[in-house]
Amino acid sequence: MVRKYIFITGGVLSGLGKGVTTASIGLILKSLGLNVTAIKIDPYVNVDAGTMNPYMHGEVYITEDGGEVDLDIGHYERFLGINLYKRNNITTGKIYLRVIERERRGDFLGQTVQIIP
């Protein structure tokens, strides 16, 4: 079976209902017999939501594996009846950290590591 992806976007404004919309679409697809999972991609440079101000970002949800993630992950779990993990919440900070760790380990020897917009 071919893997397909649905992207829900809506800018950086909170409270538009992107998370609940994503969870609802996932539930509809699951009711049709499809295997469904969800990944939340956040643009912030924080590695996770654990150290963010809850008044600015909202509540933090703790996954089964101890991940401190966006509350939308909790919506996905409840709507879809599945367990999600910290790997289901990608942040710019996680990506940068991984690239820097690889650079320090020597994985890119002889190469310039840079962000190309």
PDB file of N, CA and C in Angstrom:
ATOM      1  N   MET A   1       0.843  -1.184   0.000  1.00  0.00           N
ATOM      2  CA  MET A   1       0.000   0.000   0.000  1.00  0.00           C
ATOM      3  C   MET A   1       0.887   1.247   0.000  1.00  0.00           C
ATOM      4  N   VAL A   2       0.500   2.213  -0.764  1.00  0.00           N
ATOM      5  CA  VAL A   2       1.253   3.455  -0.881  1.00  0.00           C
ATOM      6  C   VAL A   2       0.983   4.336   0.337  1.00  0.00           C
ATOM      7  N   ARG A   3       2.043   4.889   0.892  1.00  0.00           N
ATOM      8  CA  ARG A   3       1.913   5.801   2.027  1.00  0.00           C
ATOM      9  C   ARG A   3       1.534   7.179   1.502  1.00  0.00           C
ATOM     10  N   LYS A   4       0.559   7.789   2.134  1.00  0.00           N
ATOM     11  CA  LYS A   4       0.119   9.124   1.728  1.00  0.00           C
ATOM     12  C   LYS A   4       0.175  10.054   2.929  1.00  0.00           C
ATOM     13  N   TYR A   5       0.376  11.330   2.650  1.00  0.00           N
ATOM     14  CA  TYR A   5       0.508  12.336   3.697  1.00  0.00           C
ATOM     15  C   TYR A   5      -0.516  13.441   3.486  1.00  0.00           C
ATOM     16  N   ILE A   6      -1.027  13.957   4.584  1.00  0.00           N
ATOM     17  CA  ILE A   6      -1.892  15.133   4.560  1.00  0.00           C
ATOM     18  C   ILE A   6      -1.224  16.176   5.439  1.00  0.00           C
ATOM     19  N   PHE A   7      -1.034  17.373   4.910  1.00  0.00           N
ATOM     20  CA  PHE A   7      -0.437  18.470   5.672  1.00  0.00           C
ATOM     21  C   PHE A   7      -1.517  19.481   6.013  1.00  0.00           C
ATOM     22  N   ILE A   8      -1.614  19.831   7.294  1.00  0.00           N
ATOM     23  CA  ILE A   8      -2.532  20.870   7.756  1.00  0.00           C
ATOM     24  C   ILE A   8      -1.672  22.067   8.128  1.00  0.00           C
ATOM     25  N   THR A   9      -1.899  23.194   7.486  1.00  0.00           N
ATOM     26  CA  THR A   9      -1.139  24.402   7.798  1.00  0.00           C
ATOM     27  C   THR A   9      -2.102  25.522   8.149  1.00  0.00           C
ATOM     28  N   GLY A  10      -1.583  26.538   8.775  1.00  0.00           N
ATOM     29  CA  GLY A  10      -2.435  27.666   9.133  1.00  0.00           C
ATOM     30  C   GLY A  10      -1.635  28.794   9.716  1.00  0.00           C
ATOM     31  N   GLY A  11      -0.367  28.832   9.387  1.00  0.00           N
ATOM     32  CA  GLY A  11       0.465  29.902   9.926  1.00  0.00           C
ATOM     33  C   GLY A  11       0.873  29.627  11.353  1.00  0.00           C
ATOM     34  N   VAL A  12       1.347  30.666  12.007  1.00  0.00           N
ATOM     35  CA  VAL A  12       1.877  30.516  13.359  1.00  0.00           C
ATOM     36  C   VAL A  12       0.872  30.939  14.429  1.00  0.00           C
ATOM     37  N   LEU A  13      -0.340  31.264  14.049  1.00  0.00           N
ATOM     38  CA  LEU A  13      -1.342  31.677  15.024  1.00  0.00           C
ATOM     39  C   LEU A  13      -1.848  30.477  15.813  1.00  0.00           C
ATOM     40  N   SER A  14      -1.867  30.602  17.129  1.00  0.00           N
ATOM     41  CA  SER A  14      -2.400  29.547  17.984  1.00  0.00           C
ATOM     42  C   SER A  14      -3.911  29.681  18.077  1.00  0.00           C
ATOM     43  N   GLY A  15      -4.549  28.596  18.415  1.00  0.00           N
ATOM     44  CA  GLY A  15      -5.971  28.633  18.686  1.00  0.00           C
ATOM     45  C   GLY A  15      -6.872  28.599  17.465  1.00  0.00           C
ATOM     46  N   LEU A  16      -6.321  28.310  16.299  1.00  0.00           N
ATOM     47  CA  LEU A  16      -7.150  28.238  15.092  1.00  0.00           C
ATOM     48  C   LEU A  16      -7.853  26.890  14.952  1.00  0.00           C
ATOM     49  N   GLY A  17      -7.416  25.908  15.719  1.00  0.00           N
ATOM     50  CA  GLY A  17      -8.022  24.588  15.637  1.00  0.00           C
ATOM     51  C   GLY A  17      -7.317  23.628  14.709  1.00  0.00           C
ATOM     52  N   LYS A  18      -6.046  23.922  14.372  1.00  0.00           N
ATOM     53  CA  LYS A  18      -5.299  23.040  13.466  1.00  0.00           C
ATOM     54  C   LYS A  18      -5.127  21.651  14.077  1.00  0.00           C
ATOM     55  N   GLY A  19      -4.859  21.592  15.372  1.00  0.00           N
ATOM     56  CA  GLY A  19      -4.647  20.304  16.027  1.00  0.00           C
ATOM     57  C   GLY A  19      -5.899  19.458  16.083  1.00  0.00           C
ATOM     58  N   VAL A  20      -7.016  20.060  16.458  1.00  0.00           N
ATOM     59  CA  VAL A  20      -8.280  19.326  16.520  1.00  0.00           C
ATOM     60  C   VAL A  20      -8.741  18.951  15.111  1.00  0.00           C
ATOM     61  N   THR A  21      -8.510  19.821  14.142  1.00  0.00           N
ATOM     62  CA  THR A  21      -8.842  19.501  12.747  1.00  0.00           C
ATOM     63  C   THR A  21      -8.033  18.298  12.275  1.00  0.00           C
ATOM     64  N   THR A  22      -6.743  18.298  12.576  1.00  0.00           N
ATOM     65  CA  THR A  22      -5.876  17.175  12.204  1.00  0.00           C
ATOM     66  C   THR A  22      -6.364  15.886  12.850  1.00  0.00           C
ATOM     67  N   ALA A  23      -6.668  15.943  14.155  1.00  0.00           N
ATOM     68  CA  ALA A  23      -7.147  14.761  14.871  1.00  0.00           C
ATOM     69  C   ALA A  23      -8.472  14.268  14.289  1.00  0.00           C
ATOM     70  N   SER A  24      -9.352  15.192  13.934  1.00  0.00           N
ATOM     71  CA  SER A  24     -10.661  14.825  13.375  1.00  0.00           C
ATOM     72  C   SER A  24     -10.522  14.158  12.011  1.00  0.00           C
ATOM     73  N   ILE A  25      -9.680  14.722  11.156  1.00  0.00           N
ATOM     74  CA  ILE A  25      -9.437  14.110   9.843  1.00  0.00           C
ATOM     75  C   ILE A  25      -8.836  12.719  10.023  1.00  0.00           C
ATOM     76  N   GLY A  26      -7.905  12.599  10.961  1.00  0.00           N
ATOM     77  CA  GLY A  26      -7.312  11.295  11.245  1.00  0.00           C
ATOM     78  C   GLY A  26      -8.350  10.278  11.685  1.00  0.00           C
ATOM     79  N   LEU A  27      -9.290  10.706  12.530  1.00  0.00           N
ATOM     80  CA  LEU A  27     -10.345   9.803  13.002  1.00  0.00           C
ATOM     81  C   LEU A  27     -11.243   9.361  11.848  1.00  0.00           C
ATOM     82  N   ILE A  28     -11.575  10.273  10.960  1.00  0.00           N
ATOM     83  CA  ILE A  28     -12.391   9.918   9.787  1.00  0.00           C
ATOM     84  C   ILE A  28     -11.660   8.885   8.930  1.00  0.00           C
ATOM     85  N   LEU A  29     -10.376   9.113   8.683  1.00  0.00           N
ATOM     86  CA  LEU A  29      -9.595   8.170   7.879  1.00  0.00           C
ATOM     87  C   LEU A  29      -9.485   6.815   8.572  1.00  0.00           C
ATOM     88  N   LYS A  30      -9.305   6.839   9.892  1.00  0.00           N
ATOM     89  CA  LYS A  30      -9.214   5.591  10.651  1.00  0.00           C
ATOM     90  C   LYS A  30     -10.537   4.828  10.580  1.00  0.00           C
ATOM     91  N   SER A  31     -11.662   5.551  10.616  1.00  0.00           N
ATOM     92  CA  SER A  31     -12.977   4.898  10.536  1.00  0.00           C
ATOM     93  C   SER A  31     -13.197   4.239   9.170  1.00  0.00           C
ATOM     94  N   LEU A  32     -12.437   4.668   8.175  1.00  0.00           N
ATOM     95  CA  LEU A  32     -12.495   4.060   6.840  1.00  0.00           C
ATOM     96  C   LEU A  32     -11.570   2.848   6.724  1.00  0.00           C
ATOM     97  N   GLY A  33     -10.920   2.492   7.841  1.00  0.00           N
ATOM     98  CA  GLY A  33     -10.060   1.319   7.860  1.00  0.00           C
ATOM     99  C   GLY A  33      -8.604   1.582   7.529  1.00  0.00           C
ATOM    100  N   LEU A  34      -8.219   2.844   7.448  1.00  0.00           N
ATOM    101  CA  LEU A  34      -6.830   3.178   7.132  1.00  0.00           C
ATOM    102  C   LEU A  34      -5.985   3.233   8.400  1.00  0.00           C
ATOM    103  N   ASN A  35      -4.710   2.907   8.277  1.00  0.00           N
ATOM    104  CA  ASN A  35      -3.768   3.083   9.381  1.00  0.00           C
ATOM    105  C   ASN A  35      -3.366   4.549   9.418  1.00  0.00           C
ATOM    106  N   VAL A  36      -3.474   5.162  10.587  1.00  0.00           N
ATOM    107  CA  VAL A  36      -3.246   6.596  10.712  1.00  0.00           C
ATOM    108  C   VAL A  36      -2.302   6.876  11.874  1.00  0.00           C
ATOM    109  N   THR A  37      -1.408   7.828  11.670  1.00  0.00           N
ATOM    110  CA  THR A  37      -0.609   8.382  12.756  1.00  0.00           C
ATOM    111  C   THR A  37      -0.532   9.883  12.524  1.00  0.00           C
ATOM    112  N   ALA A  38       0.056  10.594  13.470  1.00  0.00           N
ATOM    113  CA  ALA A  38       0.152  12.047  13.346  1.00  0.00           C
ATOM    114  C   ALA A  38       1.531  12.514  13.777  1.00  0.00           C
ATOM    115  N   ILE A  39       2.015  13.529  13.106  1.00  0.00           N
ATOM    116  CA  ILE A  39       3.278  14.177  13.450  1.00  0.00           C
ATOM    117  C   ILE A  39       3.012  15.670  13.522  1.00  0.00           C
ATOM    118  N   LYS A  40       3.443  16.291  14.601  1.00  0.00           N
ATOM    119  CA  LYS A  40       3.302  17.744  14.769  1.00  0.00           C
ATOM    120  C   LYS A  40       4.667  18.362  14.510  1.00  0.00           C
ATOM    121  N   ILE A  41       4.721  19.346  13.622  1.00  0.00           N
ATOM    122  CA  ILE A  41       5.970  20.040  13.318  1.00  0.00           C
ATOM    123  C   ILE A  41       5.831  21.480  13.787  1.00  0.00           C
ATOM    124  N   ASP A  42       6.679  21.872  14.733  1.00  0.00           N
ATOM    125  CA  ASP A  42       6.653  23.224  15.290  1.00  0.00           C
ATOM    126  C   ASP A  42       7.899  23.986  14.870  1.00  0.00           C
ATOM    127  N   PRO A  43       7.746  25.249  14.492  1.00  0.00           N
ATOM    128  CA  PRO A  43       8.886  26.021  14.001  1.00  0.00           C
ATOM    129  C   PRO A  43       9.784  26.609  15.085  1.00  0.00           C
ATOM    130  N   TYR A  44       9.426  26.455  16.352  1.00  0.00           N
ATOM    131  CA  TYR A  44      10.243  27.107  17.375  1.00  0.00           C
ATOM    132  C   TYR A  44      11.592  26.424  17.557  1.00  0.00           C
ATOM    133  N   VAL A  45      12.572  27.207  18.020  1.00  0.00           N
ATOM    134  CA  VAL A  45      13.936  26.713  18.160  1.00  0.00           C
ATOM    135  C   VAL A  45      14.129  25.948  19.471  1.00  0.00           C
ATOM    136  N   ASN A  46      13.153  25.968  20.355  1.00  0.00           N
ATOM    137  CA  ASN A  46      13.217  25.138  21.557  1.00  0.00           C
ATOM    138  C   ASN A  46      13.263  23.676  21.123  1.00  0.00           C
ATOM    139  N   VAL A  47      14.006  22.863  21.865  1.00  0.00           N
ATOM    140  CA  VAL A  47      14.093  21.444  21.541  1.00  0.00           C
ATOM    141  C   VAL A  47      12.754  20.759  21.808  1.00  0.00           C
ATOM    142  N   ASP A  48      12.102  21.127  22.897  1.00  0.00           N
ATOM    143  CA  ASP A  48      10.768  20.611  23.189  1.00  0.00           C
ATOM    144  C   ASP A  48       9.966  21.679  23.917  1.00  0.00           C
ATOM    145  N   ALA A  49       8.730  21.353  24.242  1.00  0.00           N
ATOM    146  CA  ALA A  49       7.835  22.336  24.858  1.00  0.00           C
ATOM    147  C   ALA A  49       8.021  22.444  26.371  1.00  0.00           C
ATOM    148  N   GLY A  50       8.863  21.607  26.955  1.00  0.00           N
ATOM    149  CA  GLY A  50       9.001  21.528  28.405  1.00  0.00           C
ATOM    150  C   GLY A  50       9.453  22.796  29.094  1.00  0.00           C
ATOM    151  N   THR A  51      10.259  23.610  28.446  1.00  0.00           N
ATOM    152  CA  THR A  51      10.771  24.821  29.097  1.00  0.00           C
ATOM    153  C   THR A  51      10.088  26.087  28.598  1.00  0.00           C
ATOM    154  N   MET A  52       9.041  25.929  27.816  1.00  0.00           N
ATOM    155  CA  MET A  52       8.359  27.103  27.271  1.00  0.00           C
ATOM    156  C   MET A  52       7.326  27.636  28.262  1.00  0.00           C
ATOM    157  N   ASN A  53       7.096  28.930  28.221  1.00  0.00           N
ATOM    158  CA  ASN A  53       6.123  29.574  29.090  1.00  0.00           C
ATOM    159  C   ASN A  53       4.716  29.094  28.718  1.00  0.00           C
ATOM    160  N   PRO A  54       4.002  28.441  29.654  1.00  0.00           N
ATOM    161  CA  PRO A  54       2.676  27.920  29.314  1.00  0.00           C
ATOM    162  C   PRO A  54       1.656  29.010  28.985  1.00  0.00           C
ATOM    163  N   TYR A  55       1.894  30.233  29.458  1.00  0.00           N
ATOM    164  CA  TYR A  55       0.979  31.322  29.121  1.00  0.00           C
ATOM    165  C   TYR A  55       1.155  31.766  27.670  1.00  0.00           C
ATOM    166  N   MET A  56       2.338  31.524  27.126  1.00  0.00           N
ATOM    167  CA  MET A  56       2.596  31.890  25.732  1.00  0.00           C
ATOM    168  C   MET A  56       2.340  30.719  24.783  1.00  0.00           C
ATOM    169  N   HIS A  57       2.693  29.514  25.228  1.00  0.00           N
ATOM    170  CA  HIS A  57       2.620  28.346  24.350  1.00  0.00           C
ATOM    171  C   HIS A  57       1.423  27.454  24.637  1.00  0.00           C
ATOM    172  N   GLY A  58       0.942  27.439  25.844  1.00  0.00           N
ATOM    173  CA  GLY A  58      -0.124  26.520  26.231  1.00  0.00           C
ATOM    174  C   GLY A  58       0.438  25.355  27.022  1.00  0.00           C
ATOM    175  N   GLU A  59      -0.444  24.438  27.363  1.00  0.00           N
ATOM    176  CA  GLU A  59      -0.042  23.300  28.186  1.00  0.00           C
ATOM    177  C   GLU A  59       0.940  22.392  27.454  1.00  0.00           C
ATOM    178  N   VAL A  60       1.738  21.709  28.254  1.00  0.00           N
ATOM    179  CA  VAL A  60       2.669  20.705  27.737  1.00  0.00           C
ATOM    180  C   VAL A  60       2.032  19.337  27.961  1.00  0.00           C
ATOM    181  N   TYR A  61       2.141  18.466  26.999  1.00  0.00           N
ATOM    182  CA  TYR A  61       1.629  17.104  27.107  1.00  0.00           C
ATOM    183  C   TYR A  61       2.823  16.172  27.263  1.00  0.00           C
ATOM    184  N   ILE A  62       2.722  15.206  28.166  1.00  0.00           N
ATOM    185  CA  ILE A  62       3.810  14.250  28.404  1.00  0.00           C
ATOM    186  C   ILE A  62       3.443  12.926  27.738  1.00  0.00           C
ATOM    187  N   THR A  63       4.309  12.474  26.847  1.00  0.00           N
ATOM    188  CA  THR A  63       4.062  11.209  26.150  1.00  0.00           C
ATOM    189  C   THR A  63       4.502  10.030  27.008  1.00  0.00           C
ATOM    190  N   GLU A  64       4.111   8.847  26.578  1.00  0.00           N
ATOM    191  CA  GLU A  64       4.442   7.619  27.298  1.00  0.00           C
ATOM    192  C   GLU A  64       5.950   7.455  27.500  1.00  0.00           C
ATOM    193  N   ASP A  65       6.745   7.927  26.544  1.00  0.00           N
ATOM    194  CA  ASP A  65       8.200   7.803  26.654  1.00  0.00           C
ATOM    195  C   ASP A  65       8.842   9.016  27.327  1.00  0.00           C
ATOM    196  N   GLY A  66       8.027   9.868  27.967  1.00  0.00           N
ATOM    197  CA  GLY A  66       8.556  10.999  28.727  1.00  0.00           C
ATOM    198  C   GLY A  66       8.775  12.266  27.928  1.00  0.00           C
ATOM    199  N   GLY A  67       8.379  12.281  26.667  1.00  0.00           N
ATOM    200  CA  GLY A  67       8.544  13.478  25.848  1.00  0.00           C
ATOM    201  C   GLY A  67       7.651  14.612  26.321  1.00  0.00           C
ATOM    202  N   GLU A  68       8.205  15.815  26.366  1.00  0.00           N
ATOM    203  CA  GLU A  68       7.442  17.014  26.712  1.00  0.00           C
ATOM    204  C   GLU A  68       7.089  17.696  25.397  1.00  0.00           C
ATOM    205  N   VAL A  69       5.848  17.528  24.970  1.00  0.00           N
ATOM    206  CA  VAL A  69       5.450  17.898  23.613  1.00  0.00           C
ATOM    207  C   VAL A  69       4.254  18.847  23.625  1.00  0.00           C
ATOM    208  N   ASP A  70       3.916  19.326  22.447  1.00  0.00           N
ATOM    209  CA  ASP A  70       2.760  20.191  22.265  1.00  0.00           C
ATOM    210  C   ASP A  70       1.480  19.437  22.638  1.00  0.00           C
ATOM    211  N   LEU A  71       0.525  20.150  23.201  1.00  0.00           N
ATOM    212  CA  LEU A  71      -0.734  19.548  23.635  1.00  0.00           C
ATOM    213  C   LEU A  71      -1.490  18.871  22.491  1.00  0.00           C
ATOM    214  N   ASP A  72      -1.278  19.307  21.263  1.00  0.00           N
ATOM    215  CA  ASP A  72      -1.953  18.671  20.125  1.00  0.00           C
ATOM    216  C   ASP A  72      -1.657  17.177  20.050  1.00  0.00           C
ATOM    217  N   ILE A  73      -0.481  16.761  20.487  1.00  0.00           N
ATOM    218  CA  ILE A  73      -0.150  15.328  20.493  1.00  0.00           C
ATOM    219  C   ILE A  73      -1.158  14.575  21.357  1.00  0.00           C
ATOM    220  N   GLY A  74      -1.557  15.164  22.473  1.00  0.00           N
ATOM    221  CA  GLY A  74      -2.583  14.554  23.326  1.00  0.00           C
ATOM    222  C   GLY A  74      -3.921  14.434  22.618  1.00  0.00           C
ATOM    223  N   HIS A  75      -4.292  15.457  21.841  1.00  0.00           N
ATOM    224  CA  HIS A  75      -5.529  15.382  21.051  1.00  0.00           C
ATOM    225  C   HIS A  75      -5.446  14.231  20.053  1.00  0.00           C
ATOM    226  N   TYR A  76      -4.313  14.117  19.372  1.00  0.00           N
ATOM    227  CA  TYR A  76      -4.148  13.043  18.388  1.00  0.00           C
ATOM    228  C   TYR A  76      -4.301  11.677  19.059  1.00  0.00           C
ATOM    229  N   GLU A  77      -3.669  11.515  20.226  1.00  0.00           N
ATOM    230  CA  GLU A  77      -3.751  10.233  20.933  1.00  0.00           C
ATOM    231  C   GLU A  77      -5.193   9.888  21.292  1.00  0.00           C
ATOM    232  N   ARG A  78      -5.898  10.846  21.863  1.00  0.00           N
ATOM    233  CA  ARG A  78      -7.270  10.577  22.312  1.00  0.00           C
ATOM    234  C   ARG A  78      -8.216  10.333  21.133  1.00  0.00           C
ATOM    235  N   PHE A  79      -8.147  11.152  20.116  1.00  0.00           N
ATOM    236  CA  PHE A  79      -9.041  10.986  18.967  1.00  0.00           C
ATOM    237  C   PHE A  79      -8.770   9.664  18.243  1.00  0.00           C
ATOM    238  N   LEU A  80      -7.491   9.344  18.058  1.00  0.00           N
ATOM    239  CA  LEU A  80      -7.116   8.185  17.246  1.00  0.00           C
ATOM    240  C   LEU A  80      -6.988   6.897  18.049  1.00  0.00           C
ATOM    241  N   GLY A  81      -6.955   7.012  19.385  1.00  0.00           N
ATOM    242  CA  GLY A  81      -6.813   5.828  20.223  1.00  0.00           C
ATOM    243  C   GLY A  81      -5.470   5.142  20.056  1.00  0.00           C
ATOM    244  N   ILE A  82      -4.411   5.935  19.866  1.00  0.00           N
ATOM    245  CA  ILE A  82      -3.063   5.388  19.679  1.00  0.00           C
ATOM    246  C   ILE A  82      -2.090   6.080  20.625  1.00  0.00           C
ATOM    247  N   ASN A  83      -0.956   5.435  20.870  1.00  0.00           N
ATOM    248  CA  ASN A  83       0.116   6.068  21.637  1.00  0.00           C
ATOM    249  C   ASN A  83       1.077   6.742  20.672  1.00  0.00           C
ATOM    250  N   LEU A  84       1.391   7.985  20.957  1.00  0.00           N
ATOM    251  CA  LEU A  84       2.402   8.704  20.191  1.00  0.00           C
ATOM    252  C   LEU A  84       3.590   8.960  21.104  1.00  0.00           C
ATOM    253  N   TYR A  85       4.704   9.338  20.528  1.00  0.00           N
ATOM    254  CA  TYR A  85       5.942   9.469  21.280  1.00  0.00           C
ATOM    255  C   TYR A  85       6.599  10.804  20.974  1.00  0.00           C
ATOM    256  N   LYS A  86       7.681  11.090  21.688  1.00  0.00           N
ATOM    257  CA  LYS A  86       8.348  12.381  21.480  1.00  0.00           C
ATOM    258  C   LYS A  86       8.806  12.553  20.038  1.00  0.00           C
ATOM    259  N   ARG A  87       9.070  11.473  19.354  1.00  0.00           N
ATOM    260  CA  ARG A  87       9.482  11.577  17.947  1.00  0.00           C
ATOM    261  C   ARG A  87       8.344  12.059  17.044  1.00  0.00           C
ATOM    262  N   ASN A  88       7.105  12.029  17.540  1.00  0.00           N
ATOM    263  CA  ASN A  88       5.969  12.531  16.766  1.00  0.00           C
ATOM    264  C   ASN A  88       5.842  14.044  16.831  1.00  0.00           C
ATOM    265  N   ASN A  89       6.705  14.708  17.609  1.00  0.00           N
ATOM    266  CA  ASN A  89       6.708  16.170  17.698  1.00  0.00           C
ATOM    267  C   ASN A  89       8.087  16.659  17.261  1.00  0.00           C
ATOM    268  N   ILE A  90       8.158  17.203  16.060  1.00  0.00           N
ATOM    269  CA  ILE A  90       9.413  17.702  15.496  1.00  0.00           C
ATOM    270  C   ILE A  90       9.465  19.206  15.701  1.00  0.00           C
ATOM    271  N   THR A  91      10.603  19.700  16.191  1.00  0.00           N
ATOM    272  CA  THR A  91      10.798  21.146  16.327  1.00  0.00           C
ATOM    273  C   THR A  91      12.060  21.545  15.567  1.00  0.00           C
ATOM    274  N   THR A  92      12.128  22.817  15.213  1.00  0.00           N
ATOM    275  CA  THR A  92      13.346  23.331  14.588  1.00  0.00           C
ATOM    276  C   THR A  92      14.530  23.099  15.519  1.00  0.00           C
ATOM    277  N   GLY A  93      14.306  23.268  16.828  1.00  0.00           N
ATOM    278  CA  GLY A  93      15.370  23.049  17.806  1.00  0.00           C
ATOM    279  C   GLY A  93      15.916  21.635  17.770  1.00  0.00           C
ATOM    280  N   LYS A  94      15.040  20.629  17.630  1.00  0.00           N
ATOM    281  CA  LYS A  94      15.499  19.240  17.537  1.00  0.00           C
ATOM    282  C   LYS A  94      16.355  19.033  16.293  1.00  0.00           C
ATOM    283  N   ILE A  95      15.921  19.620  15.193  1.00  0.00           N
ATOM    284  CA  ILE A  95      16.670  19.471  13.943  1.00  0.00           C
ATOM    285  C   ILE A  95      18.042  20.123  14.065  1.00  0.00           C
ATOM    286  N   TYR A  96      18.080  21.365  14.567  1.00  0.00           N
ATOM    287  CA  TYR A  96      19.361  22.059  14.746  1.00  0.00           C
ATOM    288  C   TYR A  96      20.276  21.278  15.682  1.00  0.00           C
ATOM    289  N   LEU A  97      19.735  20.795  16.800  1.00  0.00           N
ATOM    290  CA  LEU A  97      20.540  20.052  17.768  1.00  0.00           C
ATOM    291  C   LEU A  97      21.147  18.813  17.118  1.00  0.00           C
ATOM    292  N   ARG A  98      20.353  18.089  16.357  1.00  0.00           N
ATOM    293  CA  ARG A  98      20.840  16.874  15.699  1.00  0.00           C
ATOM    294  C   ARG A  98      21.951  17.192  14.698  1.00  0.00           C
ATOM    295  N   VAL A  99      21.771  18.249  13.914  1.00  0.00           N
ATOM    296  CA  VAL A  99      22.792  18.640  12.933  1.00  0.00           C
ATOM    297  C   VAL A  99      24.077  19.053  13.650  1.00  0.00           C
ATOM    298  N   ILE A 100      23.959  19.842  14.719  1.00  0.00           N
ATOM    299  CA  ILE A 100      25.147  20.287  15.464  1.00  0.00           C
ATOM    300  C   ILE A 100      25.858  19.100  16.102  1.00  0.00           C
ATOM    301  N   GLU A 101      25.108  18.149  16.669  1.00  0.00           N
ATOM    302  CA  GLU A 101      25.732  16.953  17.248  1.00  0.00           C
ATOM    303  C   GLU A 101      26.493  16.168  16.180  1.00  0.00           C
ATOM    304  N   ARG A 102      25.902  16.034  15.013  1.00  0.00           N
ATOM    305  CA  ARG A 102      26.570  15.315  13.926  1.00  0.00           C
ATOM    306  C   ARG A 102      27.818  16.060  13.452  1.00  0.00           C
ATOM    307  N   GLU A 103      27.731  17.390  13.394  1.00  0.00           N
ATOM    308  CA  GLU A 103      28.889  18.189  12.983  1.00  0.00           C
ATOM    309  C   GLU A 103      30.018  18.028  13.991  1.00  0.00           C
ATOM    310  N   ARG A 104      29.705  18.062  15.286  1.00  0.00           N
ATOM    311  CA  ARG A 104      30.716  17.923  16.333  1.00  0.00           C
ATOM    312  C   ARG A 104      31.326  16.535  16.331  1.00  0.00           C
ATOM    313  N   ARG A 105      30.551  15.532  15.950  1.00  0.00           N
ATOM    314  CA  ARG A 105      31.033  14.154  15.903  1.00  0.00           C
ATOM    315  C   ARG A 105      31.938  13.923  14.695  1.00  0.00           C
ATOM    316  N   GLY A 106      31.899  14.841  13.723  1.00  0.00           N
ATOM    317  CA  GLY A 106      32.755  14.711  12.549  1.00  0.00           C
ATOM    318  C   GLY A 106      32.074  14.114  11.335  1.00  0.00           C
ATOM    319  N   ASP A 107      30.765  14.015  11.362  1.00  0.00           N
ATOM    320  CA  ASP A 107      30.042  13.410  10.242  1.00  0.00           C
ATOM    321  C   ASP A 107      30.139  14.220   8.951  1.00  0.00           C
ATOM    322  N   PHE A 108      30.476  15.503   9.051  1.00  0.00           N
ATOM    323  CA  PHE A 108      30.512  16.376   7.873  1.00  0.00           C
ATOM    324  C   PHE A 108      31.926  16.890   7.588  1.00  0.00           C
ATOM    325  N   LEU A 109      32.946  16.135   7.989  1.00  0.00           N
ATOM    326  CA  LEU A 109      34.322  16.607   7.831  1.00  0.00           C
ATOM    327  C   LEU A 109      34.588  17.065   6.401  1.00  0.00           C
ATOM    328  N   GLY A 110      35.180  18.247   6.289  1.00  0.00           N
ATOM    329  CA  GLY A 110      35.511  18.801   4.985  1.00  0.00           C
ATOM    330  C   GLY A 110      34.370  19.544   4.316  1.00  0.00           C
ATOM    331  N   GLN A 111      33.222  19.563   4.956  1.00  0.00           N
ATOM    332  CA  GLN A 111      32.063  20.227   4.362  1.00  0.00           C
ATOM    333  C   GLN A 111      31.653  21.431   5.203  1.00  0.00           C
ATOM    334  N   THR A 112      31.049  22.406   4.559  1.00  0.00           N
ATOM    335  CA  THR A 112      30.477  23.541   5.264  1.00  0.00           C
ATOM    336  C   THR A 112      29.027  23.211   5.568  1.00  0.00           C
ATOM    337  N   VAL A 113      28.663  23.304   6.838  1.00  0.00           N
ATOM    338  CA  VAL A 113      27.282  23.044   7.247  1.00  0.00           C
ATOM    339  C   VAL A 113      26.600  24.391   7.390  1.00  0.00           C
ATOM    340  N   GLN A 114      25.560  24.616   6.599  1.00  0.00           N
ATOM    341  CA  GLN A 114      24.892  25.914   6.644  1.00  0.00           C
ATOM    342  C   GLN A 114      23.408  25.766   6.358  1.00  0.00           C
ATOM    343  N   ILE A 115      22.671  26.775   6.756  1.00  0.00           N
ATOM    344  CA  ILE A 115      21.242  26.827   6.468  1.00  0.00           C
ATOM    345  C   ILE A 115      21.073  27.572   5.157  1.00  0.00           C
ATOM    346  N   ILE A 116      20.364  26.970   4.249  1.00  0.00           N
ATOM    347  CA  ILE A 116      20.087  27.627   2.973  1.00  0.00           C
ATOM    348  C   ILE A 116      18.586  27.901   2.928  1.00  0.00           C
ATOM    349  N   PRO A 117      18.216  29.168   3.014  1.00  0.00           N
ATOM    350  CA  PRO A 117      16.776  29.484   3.049  1.00  0.00           C
ATOM    351  C   PRO A 117      16.084  29.210   1.724  1.00  0.00           C
TER     352      PRO A 117
END
